[in-house]
Amino acid sequence: MKNIIAGVIALVIGFFALTFAAVMGLTMALVALIAQPFLKRKLAKQYATFYAGNPEASSGQGRVIEGEYEPVQNHK
């Protein structure tokens, strides 16, 4: 009898956890879909502001920093 009661309680708790996870997942997905255009606009604005003050970075050519290369795996 104890095993049956424990099984029923486990099933109820499992169902509650699964339902809660589904509701939270759907809520977060909905929030992400709503926030997406605002975040894209904000990032585009910051991107344009950064490259307006730094025209070298937007040319697609980077600078090479001279120095020695030492692999981390071989370091003792």
Protein backbone atom coordinates (compact mmCIF):
# COMPACT_ATOMS: atom_id res chain seq x y z
CA MET A 1 0.00 0.00 0.00
CA LYS A 2 2.88 2.35 0.83
CA ASN A 3 4.39 1.76 -2.60
CA ILE A 4 1.15 2.68 -4.35
CA ILE A 5 0.78 5.90 -2.35
CA ALA A 6 4.44 6.79 -2.95
CA GLY A 7 4.00 6.11 -6.68
CA VAL A 8 0.92 8.32 -6.91
CA ILE A 9 2.68 11.13 -5.04
CA ALA A 10 5.71 10.79 -7.33
CA LEU A 11 3.49 10.97 -10.40
CA VAL A 12 1.69 14.08 -9.11
CA ILE A 13 4.98 15.82 -8.30
CA GLY A 14 6.44 14.80 -11.67
CA PHE A 15 3.40 16.09 -13.52
CA PHE A 16 3.60 19.39 -11.62
CA ALA A 17 7.32 19.76 -12.41
CA LEU A 18 6.77 18.96 -16.09
CA THR A 19 3.88 21.41 -16.35
CA PHE A 20 5.82 24.14 -14.55
CA ALA A 21 8.82 23.64 -16.85
CA ALA A 22 6.63 23.81 -19.95
CA VAL A 23 4.91 27.00 -18.80
CA MET A 24 8.23 28.65 -17.91
CA GLY A 25 9.79 27.60 -21.21
CA LEU A 26 6.91 28.97 -23.24
CA THR A 27 6.96 32.20 -21.23
CA MET A 28 10.69 32.70 -21.79
CA ALA A 29 10.33 31.96 -25.50
CA LEU A 30 7.54 34.53 -25.78
CA VAL A 31 9.59 37.14 -23.91
CA ALA A 32 12.57 36.47 -26.18
CA LEU A 33 10.46 36.88 -29.31
CA ILE A 34 9.06 40.17 -28.02
CA ALA A 35 12.50 41.51 -26.98
CA GLN A 36 14.32 40.49 -30.16
CA PRO A 37 13.61 43.61 -32.29
CA PHE A 38 14.50 45.93 -29.41
CA LEU A 39 17.80 44.16 -28.79
CA LYS A 40 18.67 44.13 -32.50
CA ARG A 41 18.02 47.86 -32.71
CA LYS A 42 20.13 48.54 -29.61
CA LEU A 43 23.04 46.42 -30.85
CA ALA A 44 22.95 48.03 -34.31
CA LYS A 45 23.06 51.46 -32.69
CA GLN A 46 26.04 50.51 -30.51
CA TYR A 47 27.80 48.93 -33.50
CA ALA A 48 27.37 52.10 -35.56
CA THR A 49 28.53 54.28 -32.66
CA PHE A 50 31.67 52.18 -32.14
CA TYR A 51 32.70 52.19 -35.79
CA ALA A 52 31.93 55.89 -36.20
CA GLY A 53 34.71 56.67 -33.73
CA ASN A 54 37.09 53.98 -35.02
CA PRO A 55 37.17 53.93 -38.84
CA GLU A 56 40.17 51.53 -38.95
CA ALA A 57 38.12 48.74 -37.36
CA SER A 58 35.38 48.88 -39.99
CA SER A 59 37.78 48.43 -42.92
CA GLY A 60 37.99 44.69 -42.35
CA GLN A 61 41.76 44.76 -41.92
CA GLY A 62 43.04 44.09 -38.46
CA ARG A 63 46.37 44.83 -36.88
CA VAL A 64 48.88 42.14 -35.97
CA ILE A 65 50.38 42.28 -32.52
CA GLU A 66 53.99 41.17 -32.72
CA GLY A 67 55.27 38.80 -30.09
CA GLU A 68 56.35 35.30 -29.29
CA TYR A 69 54.01 32.34 -29.43
CA GLU A 70 54.20 29.80 -26.65
CA PRO A 71 51.72 26.89 -26.60
CA VAL A 72 50.03 26.46 -23.26
CA GLN A 73 50.11 22.66 -23.44
CA ASN A 74 53.91 22.56 -23.60
CA HIS A 75 54.40 25.08 -20.82
CA LYS A 76 56.11 23.54 -17.77
